[in-house]
């Protein structure tokens, strides 16, 4: 199924989603429209992806769209966009990536809309990672998932968990990147060439994740298997247990969640 998409806003997150969907042929340049206030942005999107971009909305394209994306900033007048959608009798799916604006707020503009709110993942270019999704009962799950699955996986969550999802799930790759840097540096410190250390770190990460998923075992069980008495593994484990490794990760996640909530309050003007 090829979807007709129209986005209000053509920022980096919208671009990343559209780029992935175009790559998977879920959408086509001819049936993908974007409006953005920046002429530079419009020219860039048109030249790069050959989509139908303009500074003013193409309401014919909007009316024919299977899915309208709200990709504007929280401080922009998204309420006016919703009113215009009503005026143009749009009654299909609306997908919002506006930070801090709830499904209830979007729905309250007019009780017509199939509303889905998402927190997109940051791994769209490799079509992996979960996007956090909240929807009302009018949302067309098939349309939404056809689009979202083009750049990752869908995780339906309670809206009250979106801040946690952002600080933990969306920021998750950052924690992994930091681990990879530290693990690679440890190999270099021990005497291994950096390129080889990085290669081994990546393969260990991929293989360990696959083993946890395929075996169904808790990671602690796998540690017990690897850590023989008086051996290399248990010696390394002893040093990790003495360090702030676990607490550092936990504190980073809690700080990220806290900051997400702070930004949400700022966006709402609290």
C-alpha atoms as a PDB file:
ATOM      1  CA  UNK A   1       0.000   0.000   0.000  1.00  0.00           C
ATOM      2  CA  UNK A   2       1.408   3.387  -1.040  1.00  0.00           C
ATOM      3  CA  UNK A   3       0.309   6.160   1.287  1.00  0.00           C
ATOM      4  CA  UNK A   4      -0.456   9.766   0.471  1.00  0.00           C
ATOM      5  CA  UNK A   5       1.246  11.910   3.108  1.00  0.00           C
ATOM      6  CA  UNK A   6       1.126  15.610   3.879  1.00  0.00           C
ATOM      7  CA  UNK A   7       3.250  17.231   6.561  1.00  0.00           C
ATOM      8  CA  UNK A   8       2.912  20.606   8.200  1.00  0.00           C
ATOM      9  CA  UNK A   9       6.551  21.255   9.014  1.00  0.00           C
ATOM     10  CA  UNK A  10       9.630  19.922   7.279  1.00  0.00           C
ATOM     11  CA  UNK A  11      12.227  19.827  10.037  1.00  0.00           C
ATOM     12  CA  UNK A  12      14.877  17.191  10.621  1.00  0.00           C
ATOM     13  CA  UNK A  13      12.603  14.668  12.350  1.00  0.00           C
ATOM     14  CA  UNK A  14       9.980  14.888   9.605  1.00  0.00           C
ATOM     15  CA  UNK A  15      12.737  14.589   7.013  1.00  0.00           C
ATOM     16  CA  UNK A  16      14.150  11.478   8.704  1.00  0.00           C
ATOM     17  CA  UNK A  17      10.735   9.779   8.756  1.00  0.00           C
ATOM     18  CA  UNK A  18       9.962  10.663   5.152  1.00  0.00           C
ATOM     19  CA  UNK A  19      13.429   9.615   3.982  1.00  0.00           C
ATOM     20  CA  UNK A  20      12.954   6.155   5.507  1.00  0.00           C
ATOM     21  CA  UNK A  21       9.401   5.802   4.168  1.00  0.00           C
ATOM     22  CA  UNK A  22      10.549   6.825   0.689  1.00  0.00           C
ATOM     23  CA  UNK A  23      13.381   4.309   0.858  1.00  0.00           C
ATOM     24  CA  UNK A  24      10.906   1.546   1.763  1.00  0.00           C
ATOM     25  CA  UNK A  25       8.510   2.779  -0.968  1.00  0.00           C
ATOM     26  CA  UNK A  26       5.703   3.195   1.551  1.00  0.00           C
ATOM     27  CA  UNK A  27       5.322   6.685   0.077  1.00  0.00           C
ATOM     28  CA  UNK A  28       6.384   8.206  -3.243  1.00  0.00           C
ATOM     29  CA  UNK A  29       7.733  11.694  -4.032  1.00  0.00           C
ATOM     30  CA  UNK A  30       4.654  12.413  -6.147  1.00  0.00           C
ATOM     31  CA  UNK A  31       2.231  11.736  -3.279  1.00  0.00           C
ATOM     32  CA  UNK A  32       4.269  13.316  -0.477  1.00  0.00           C
ATOM     33  CA  UNK A  33       3.639  16.956   0.365  1.00  0.00           C
ATOM     34  CA  UNK A  34       5.310  19.246   2.895  1.00  0.00           C
ATOM     35  CA  UNK A  35       4.759  22.842   3.858  1.00  0.00           C
ATOM     36  CA  UNK A  36       7.442  24.770   5.723  1.00  0.00           C
ATOM     37  CA  UNK A  37       7.859  28.475   6.421  1.00  0.00           C
ATOM     38  CA  UNK A  38      11.536  28.377   5.419  1.00  0.00           C
ATOM     39  CA  UNK A  39      12.200  28.825   1.701  1.00  0.00           C
ATOM     40  CA  UNK A  40      15.645  27.275   2.166  1.00  0.00           C
ATOM     41  CA  UNK A  41      14.063  24.217   3.740  1.00  0.00           C
ATOM     42  CA  UNK A  42      11.473  23.946   0.969  1.00  0.00           C
ATOM     43  CA  UNK A  43      14.169  24.136  -1.702  1.00  0.00           C
ATOM     44  CA  UNK A  44      16.318  21.575   0.107  1.00  0.00           C
ATOM     45  CA  UNK A  45      13.483  19.046   0.485  1.00  0.00           C
ATOM     46  CA  UNK A  46      12.411  19.509  -3.133  1.00  0.00           C
ATOM     47  CA  UNK A  47      15.928  19.175  -4.523  1.00  0.00           C
ATOM     48  CA  UNK A  48      16.926  16.264  -2.279  1.00  0.00           C
ATOM     49  CA  UNK A  49      13.803  14.083  -2.314  1.00  0.00           C
ATOM     50  CA  UNK A  50      11.780  15.520  -5.238  1.00  0.00           C
ATOM     51  CA  UNK A  51       8.714  15.728  -2.991  1.00  0.00           C
ATOM     52  CA  UNK A  52       6.001  18.368  -3.313  1.00  0.00           C
ATOM     53  CA  UNK A  53       7.230  21.054  -0.900  1.00  0.00           C
ATOM     54  CA  UNK A  54       6.014  24.645  -0.597  1.00  0.00           C
ATOM     55  CA  UNK A  55       5.804  27.524   1.853  1.00  0.00           C
ATOM     56  CA  UNK A  56       2.011  27.599   1.674  1.00  0.00           C
ATOM     57  CA  UNK A  57      -0.218  24.554   2.238  1.00  0.00           C
ATOM     58  CA  UNK A  58      -1.536  22.715  -0.795  1.00  0.00           C
ATOM     59  CA  UNK A  59      -5.044  22.070   0.478  1.00  0.00           C
ATOM     60  CA  UNK A  60      -5.982  19.818  -2.419  1.00  0.00           C
ATOM     61  CA  UNK A  61      -3.088  17.535  -1.468  1.00  0.00           C
ATOM     62  CA  UNK A  62      -4.089  17.759   2.192  1.00  0.00           C
ATOM     63  CA  UNK A  63      -7.682  16.771   1.459  1.00  0.00           C
ATOM     64  CA  UNK A  64      -6.485  13.737  -0.531  1.00  0.00           C
ATOM     65  CA  UNK A  65      -3.914  12.613   2.044  1.00  0.00           C
ATOM     66  CA  UNK A  66      -4.257   9.337   3.929  1.00  0.00           C
ATOM     67  CA  UNK A  67      -2.172  10.806   6.726  1.00  0.00           C
ATOM     68  CA  UNK A  68      -1.435  14.365   7.836  1.00  0.00           C
ATOM     69  CA  UNK A  69       1.665  14.932   9.963  1.00  0.00           C
ATOM     70  CA  UNK A  70       1.841  17.749  12.492  1.00  0.00           C
ATOM     71  CA  UNK A  71       5.577  18.385  12.493  1.00  0.00           C
ATOM     72  CA  UNK A  72       5.597  21.975  13.738  1.00  0.00           C
ATOM     73  CA  UNK A  73       7.108  23.249  16.977  1.00  0.00           C
ATOM     74  CA  UNK A  74       4.997  23.386  20.171  1.00  0.00           C
ATOM     75  CA  UNK A  75       5.132  27.185  20.145  1.00  0.00           C
ATOM     76  CA  UNK A  76       3.827  27.354  16.575  1.00  0.00           C
ATOM     77  CA  UNK A  77       0.106  27.801  15.997  1.00  0.00           C
ATOM     78  CA  UNK A  78      -0.826  24.147  15.619  1.00  0.00           C
ATOM     79  CA  UNK A  79      -4.377  24.988  16.753  1.00  0.00           C
ATOM     80  CA  UNK A  80      -4.860  27.028  13.592  1.00  0.00           C
ATOM     81  CA  UNK A  81      -3.752  24.056  11.490  1.00  0.00           C
ATOM     82  CA  UNK A  82      -6.396  21.899  13.175  1.00  0.00           C
ATOM     83  CA  UNK A  83      -9.066  24.532  12.490  1.00  0.00           C
ATOM     84  CA  UNK A  84      -8.043  24.658   8.833  1.00  0.00           C
ATOM     85  CA  UNK A  85      -8.248  20.867   8.623  1.00  0.00           C
ATOM     86  CA  UNK A  86     -11.822  21.114   9.893  1.00  0.00           C
ATOM     87  CA  UNK A  87     -12.623  23.877   7.412  1.00  0.00           C
ATOM     88  CA  UNK A  88     -11.319  21.691   4.585  1.00  0.00           C
ATOM     89  CA  UNK A  89     -13.318  18.677   5.814  1.00  0.00           C
ATOM     90  CA  UNK A  90     -10.289  16.506   6.491  1.00  0.00           C
ATOM     91  CA  UNK A  91     -11.425  13.502   8.547  1.00  0.00           C
ATOM     92  CA  UNK A  92      -8.670  10.928   8.109  1.00  0.00           C
ATOM     93  CA  UNK A  93      -5.578  10.318  10.236  1.00  0.00           C
ATOM     94  CA  UNK A  94      -3.535  13.011  11.956  1.00  0.00           C
ATOM     95  CA  UNK A  95      -0.092  12.059  13.263  1.00  0.00           C
ATOM     96  CA  UNK A  96       1.504  14.477  15.733  1.00  0.00           C
ATOM     97  CA  UNK A  97       5.154  14.701  16.735  1.00  0.00           C
ATOM     98  CA  UNK A  98       4.589  17.977  18.618  1.00  0.00           C
ATOM     99  CA  UNK A  99       6.322  17.695  21.981  1.00  0.00           C
ATOM    100  CA  UNK A 100       4.110  18.209  25.014  1.00  0.00           C
ATOM    101  CA  UNK A 101       0.781  18.371  23.154  1.00  0.00           C
ATOM    102  CA  UNK A 102      -1.481  15.523  24.271  1.00  0.00           C
ATOM    103  CA  UNK A 103      -3.963  13.439  22.321  1.00  0.00           C
ATOM    104  CA  UNK A 104      -6.739  15.055  24.377  1.00  0.00           C
ATOM    105  CA  UNK A 105      -5.550  18.551  23.422  1.00  0.00           C
ATOM    106  CA  UNK A 106      -5.428  17.610  19.759  1.00  0.00           C
ATOM    107  CA  UNK A 107      -8.815  15.896  19.897  1.00  0.00           C
ATOM    108  CA  UNK A 108     -10.434  18.816  21.710  1.00  0.00           C
ATOM    109  CA  UNK A 109      -9.983  21.058  18.679  1.00  0.00           C
ATOM    110  CA  UNK A 110     -12.761  19.218  16.931  1.00  0.00           C
ATOM    111  CA  UNK A 111     -14.219  15.807  17.688  1.00  0.00           C
ATOM    112  CA  UNK A 112     -13.586  14.566  14.168  1.00  0.00           C
ATOM    113  CA  UNK A 113     -10.031  13.445  14.063  1.00  0.00           C
ATOM    114  CA  UNK A 114      -8.275  10.121  14.169  1.00  0.00           C
ATOM    115  CA  UNK A 115      -5.348  11.206  16.348  1.00  0.00           C
ATOM    116  CA  UNK A 116      -2.030   9.457  16.845  1.00  0.00           C
ATOM    117  CA  UNK A 117       0.781  10.998  18.882  1.00  0.00           C
ATOM    118  CA  UNK A 118       4.265   9.577  18.504  1.00  0.00           C
ATOM    119  CA  UNK A 119       7.698  10.002  19.981  1.00  0.00           C
ATOM    120  CA  UNK A 120       9.844   8.947  17.001  1.00  0.00           C
ATOM    121  CA  UNK A 121      12.982   6.918  17.516  1.00  0.00           C
ATOM    122  CA  UNK A 122      16.359   8.278  16.434  1.00  0.00           C
ATOM    123  CA  UNK A 123      17.394   5.237  14.377  1.00  0.00           C
ATOM    124  CA  UNK A 124      15.153   5.882  11.385  1.00  0.00           C
ATOM    125  CA  UNK A 125      17.959   5.554   8.835  1.00  0.00           C
ATOM    126  CA  UNK A 126      18.484   1.903   9.761  1.00  0.00           C
ATOM    127  CA  UNK A 127      14.724   1.290  10.260  1.00  0.00           C
ATOM    128  CA  UNK A 128      15.259   0.006  13.789  1.00  0.00           C
ATOM    129  CA  UNK A 129      14.253   1.077  17.265  1.00  0.00           C
ATOM    130  CA  UNK A 130      10.825   1.678  18.771  1.00  0.00           C
ATOM    131  CA  UNK A 131       8.654   4.760  18.388  1.00  0.00           C
ATOM    132  CA  UNK A 132       6.360   5.425  21.346  1.00  0.00           C
ATOM    133  CA  UNK A 133       2.764   5.623  20.121  1.00  0.00           C
ATOM    134  CA  UNK A 134      -0.481   6.859  21.695  1.00  0.00           C
ATOM    135  CA  UNK A 135      -3.707   6.955  19.682  1.00  0.00           C
ATOM    136  CA  UNK A 136      -7.401   7.591  20.107  1.00  0.00           C
ATOM    137  CA  UNK A 137      -9.996   5.021  19.113  1.00  0.00           C
ATOM    138  CA  UNK A 138     -10.547   6.574  15.691  1.00  0.00           C
ATOM    139  CA  UNK A 139      -6.985   6.130  14.472  1.00  0.00           C
ATOM    140  CA  UNK A 140      -6.544   3.795  11.515  1.00  0.00           C
ATOM    141  CA  UNK A 141      -4.013   1.355  12.910  1.00  0.00           C
ATOM    142  CA  UNK A 142      -3.199  -0.089   9.487  1.00  0.00           C
ATOM    143  CA  UNK A 143      -2.309   3.302   7.997  1.00  0.00           C
ATOM    144  CA  UNK A 144      -0.345   4.338  11.083  1.00  0.00           C
ATOM    145  CA  UNK A 145       1.650   1.112  11.258  1.00  0.00           C
ATOM    146  CA  UNK A 146       2.340   1.028   7.511  1.00  0.00           C
ATOM    147  CA  UNK A 147       4.032   4.403   7.915  1.00  0.00           C
ATOM    148  CA  UNK A 148       5.728   3.892  11.286  1.00  0.00           C
ATOM    149  CA  UNK A 149       7.060   0.428  10.457  1.00  0.00           C
ATOM    150  CA  UNK A 150       8.972   1.926   7.536  1.00  0.00           C
ATOM    151  CA  UNK A 151      11.423   3.485   9.994  1.00  0.00           C
ATOM    152  CA  UNK A 152      11.340   1.130  12.968  1.00  0.00           C
ATOM    153  CA  UNK A 153       8.973  -0.642  15.317  1.00  0.00           C
ATOM    154  CA  UNK A 154       5.778   0.455  17.069  1.00  0.00           C
ATOM    155  CA  UNK A 155       5.365   0.415  20.842  1.00  0.00           C
ATOM    156  CA  UNK A 156       1.865   1.376  21.997  1.00  0.00           C
ATOM    157  CA  UNK A 157       2.176   2.904  25.450  1.00  0.00           C
ATOM    158  CA  UNK A 158       0.131   4.834  27.968  1.00  0.00           C
ATOM    159  CA  UNK A 159       0.484   8.564  27.382  1.00  0.00           C
ATOM    160  CA  UNK A 160       1.644   9.034  30.974  1.00  0.00           C
ATOM    161  CA  UNK A 161       4.802   7.070  30.065  1.00  0.00           C
ATOM    162  CA  UNK A 162       5.860   9.211  27.093  1.00  0.00           C
ATOM    163  CA  UNK A 163       8.372  11.226  29.131  1.00  0.00           C
ATOM    164  CA  UNK A 164       9.924   8.018  30.435  1.00  0.00           C
ATOM    165  CA  UNK A 165       9.916   6.567  26.931  1.00  0.00           C
ATOM    166  CA  UNK A 166      11.749   9.653  25.650  1.00  0.00           C
ATOM    167  CA  UNK A 167      14.432   9.713  28.336  1.00  0.00           C
ATOM    168  CA  UNK A 168      14.920   5.946  28.293  1.00  0.00           C
ATOM    169  CA  UNK A 169      13.942   4.635  24.866  1.00  0.00           C
ATOM    170  CA  UNK A 170      14.568   7.504  22.470  1.00  0.00           C
ATOM    171  CA  UNK A 171      17.769   8.536  24.245  1.00  0.00           C
ATOM    172  CA  UNK A 172      18.729   4.857  24.506  1.00  0.00           C
ATOM    173  CA  UNK A 173      21.200   4.835  21.603  1.00  0.00           C
ATOM    174  CA  UNK A 174      23.221   7.522  23.411  1.00  0.00           C
ATOM    175  CA  UNK A 175      23.855   5.155  26.319  1.00  0.00           C
ATOM    176  CA  UNK A 176      24.905   2.423  23.898  1.00  0.00           C
ATOM    177  CA  UNK A 177      27.231   4.787  22.030  1.00  0.00           C
ATOM    178  CA  UNK A 178      28.901   5.705  25.314  1.00  0.00           C
ATOM    179  CA  UNK A 179      29.333   2.036  26.189  1.00  0.00           C
ATOM    180  CA  UNK A 180      30.877   1.324  22.776  1.00  0.00           C
ATOM    181  CA  UNK A 181      33.315   4.218  23.163  1.00  0.00           C
ATOM    182  CA  UNK A 182      34.371   3.083  26.635  1.00  0.00           C
ATOM    183  CA  UNK A 183      34.622  -0.581  25.662  1.00  0.00           C
ATOM    184  CA  UNK A 184      36.655   0.236  22.552  1.00  0.00           C
ATOM    185  CA  UNK A 185      38.950   2.518  24.541  1.00  0.00           C
ATOM    186  CA  UNK A 186      39.455  -0.265  27.071  1.00  0.00           C
ATOM    187  CA  UNK A 187      40.651  -2.558  24.296  1.00  0.00           C
ATOM    188  CA  UNK A 188      43.032   0.113  23.020  1.00  0.00           C
ATOM    189  CA  UNK A 189      44.302   0.724  26.564  1.00  0.00           C
ATOM    190  CA  UNK A 190      45.018  -2.998  26.854  1.00  0.00           C
ATOM    191  CA  UNK A 191      47.072  -2.872  23.638  1.00  0.00           C
ATOM    192  CA  UNK A 192      44.651  -3.744  20.836  1.00  0.00           C
ATOM    193  CA  UNK A 193      44.604  -1.615  17.645  1.00  0.00           C
ATOM    194  CA  UNK A 194      41.583   0.720  17.661  1.00  0.00           C
ATOM    195  CA  UNK A 195      40.031  -0.585  14.455  1.00  0.00           C
ATOM    196  CA  UNK A 196      40.131  -4.159  15.723  1.00  0.00           C
ATOM    197  CA  UNK A 197      38.880  -3.147  19.172  1.00  0.00           C
ATOM    198  CA  UNK A 198      35.925  -1.319  17.652  1.00  0.00           C
ATOM    199  CA  UNK A 199      35.123  -4.308  15.413  1.00  0.00           C
ATOM    200  CA  UNK A 200      35.118  -6.682  18.391  1.00  0.00           C
ATOM    201  CA  UNK A 201      33.048  -4.302  20.512  1.00  0.00           C
ATOM    202  CA  UNK A 202      30.354  -4.040  17.840  1.00  0.00           C
ATOM    203  CA  UNK A 203      30.233  -7.795  17.272  1.00  0.00           C
ATOM    204  CA  UNK A 204      30.075  -8.523  20.998  1.00  0.00           C
ATOM    205  CA  UNK A 205      27.188  -6.089  21.350  1.00  0.00           C
ATOM    206  CA  UNK A 206      25.267  -7.570  18.423  1.00  0.00           C
ATOM    207  CA  UNK A 207      25.906 -11.163  19.481  1.00  0.00           C
ATOM    208  CA  UNK A 208      25.100 -10.614  23.157  1.00  0.00           C
ATOM    209  CA  UNK A 209      21.815  -8.873  22.295  1.00  0.00           C
ATOM    210  CA  UNK A 210      20.889 -11.685  19.899  1.00  0.00           C
ATOM    211  CA  UNK A 211      21.734 -14.328  22.517  1.00  0.00           C
ATOM    212  CA  UNK A 212      19.563 -12.664  25.167  1.00  0.00           C
ATOM    213  CA  UNK A 213      16.680 -12.401  22.710  1.00  0.00           C
ATOM    214  CA  UNK A 214      16.983 -15.908  21.264  1.00  0.00           C
ATOM    215  CA  UNK A 215      17.729 -17.766  24.493  1.00  0.00           C
ATOM    216  CA  UNK A 216      14.978 -16.116  26.514  1.00  0.00           C
ATOM    217  CA  UNK A 217      17.322 -16.130  29.498  1.00  0.00           C
ATOM    218  CA  UNK A 218      17.831 -13.240  31.895  1.00  0.00           C
ATOM    219  CA  UNK A 219      21.222 -11.558  31.340  1.00  0.00           C
ATOM    220  CA  UNK A 220      22.165 -12.498  34.911  1.00  0.00           C
ATOM    221  CA  UNK A 221      21.812 -16.176  33.976  1.00  0.00           C
ATOM    222  CA  UNK A 222      24.149 -15.679  31.036  1.00  0.00           C
ATOM    223  CA  UNK A 223      26.669 -13.955  33.300  1.00  0.00           C
ATOM    224  CA  UNK A 224      26.610 -16.982  35.593  1.00  0.00           C
ATOM    225  CA  UNK A 225      27.367 -19.230  32.620  1.00  0.00           C
ATOM    226  CA  UNK A 226      30.317 -17.069  31.544  1.00  0.00           C
ATOM    227  CA  UNK A 227      31.761 -16.387  35.000  1.00  0.00           C
ATOM    228  CA  UNK A 228      33.603 -19.555  36.025  1.00  0.00           C
ATOM    229  CA  UNK A 229      35.201 -19.756  39.476  1.00  0.00           C
ATOM    230  CA  UNK A 230      38.370 -17.681  39.721  1.00  0.00           C
ATOM    231  CA  UNK A 231      38.252 -16.951  35.995  1.00  0.00           C
ATOM    232  CA  UNK A 232      38.624 -13.938  33.751  1.00  0.00           C
ATOM    233  CA  UNK A 233      34.915 -13.092  33.605  1.00  0.00           C
ATOM    234  CA  UNK A 234      34.278 -13.055  37.357  1.00  0.00           C
ATOM    235  CA  UNK A 235      37.423 -10.979  37.910  1.00  0.00           C
ATOM    236  CA  UNK A 236      36.151  -8.369  35.454  1.00  0.00           C
ATOM    237  CA  UNK A 237      32.701  -8.558  37.075  1.00  0.00           C
ATOM    238  CA  UNK A 238      34.236  -7.805  40.477  1.00  0.00           C
ATOM    239  CA  UNK A 239      35.736  -4.573  39.132  1.00  0.00           C
ATOM    240  CA  UNK A 240      32.477  -3.549  37.470  1.00  0.00           C
ATOM    241  CA  UNK A 241      30.606  -4.153  40.721  1.00  0.00           C
ATOM    242  CA  UNK A 242      33.019  -1.833  42.543  1.00  0.00           C
ATOM    243  CA  UNK A 243      32.570   0.908  39.933  1.00  0.00           C
ATOM    244  CA  UNK A 244      29.685   3.322  39.288  1.00  0.00           C
ATOM    245  CA  UNK A 245      28.825   1.533  36.027  1.00  0.00           C
ATOM    246  CA  UNK A 246      25.232   0.564  36.910  1.00  0.00           C
ATOM    247  CA  UNK A 247      24.474   3.679  38.940  1.00  0.00           C
ATOM    248  CA  UNK A 248      25.860   5.889  36.180  1.00  0.00           C
ATOM    249  CA  UNK A 249      23.473   4.437  33.612  1.00  0.00           C
ATOM    250  CA  UNK A 250      20.524   4.629  36.002  1.00  0.00           C
ATOM    251  CA  UNK A 251      21.294   8.234  36.945  1.00  0.00           C
ATOM    252  CA  UNK A 252      21.693   9.213  33.287  1.00  0.00           C
ATOM    253  CA  UNK A 253      18.256   7.794  32.449  1.00  0.00           C
ATOM    254  CA  UNK A 254      16.609   9.514  35.423  1.00  0.00           C
ATOM    255  CA  UNK A 255      18.250  12.828  34.478  1.00  0.00           C
ATOM    256  CA  UNK A 256      17.072  12.458  30.869  1.00  0.00           C
ATOM    257  CA  UNK A 257      13.497  11.728  31.978  1.00  0.00           C
ATOM    258  CA  UNK A 258      13.569  14.713  34.348  1.00  0.00           C
ATOM    259  CA  UNK A 259      14.804  16.989  31.561  1.00  0.00           C
ATOM    260  CA  UNK A 260      12.094  15.695  29.227  1.00  0.00           C
ATOM    261  CA  UNK A 261       9.452  16.660  31.791  1.00  0.00           C
ATOM    262  CA  UNK A 262      11.026  20.101  32.254  1.00  0.00           C
ATOM    263  CA  UNK A 263      10.975  20.743  28.513  1.00  0.00           C
ATOM    264  CA  UNK A 264       7.359  19.581  28.355  1.00  0.00           C
ATOM    265  CA  UNK A 265       6.384  22.148  30.995  1.00  0.00           C
ATOM    266  CA  UNK A 266       8.228  24.886  29.107  1.00  0.00           C
ATOM    267  CA  UNK A 267       6.403  23.970  25.903  1.00  0.00           C
ATOM    268  CA  UNK A 268       3.069  24.199  27.713  1.00  0.00           C
ATOM    269  CA  UNK A 269       4.027  27.544  29.231  1.00  0.00           C
ATOM    270  CA  UNK A 270       3.820  26.249  32.806  1.00  0.00           C
END
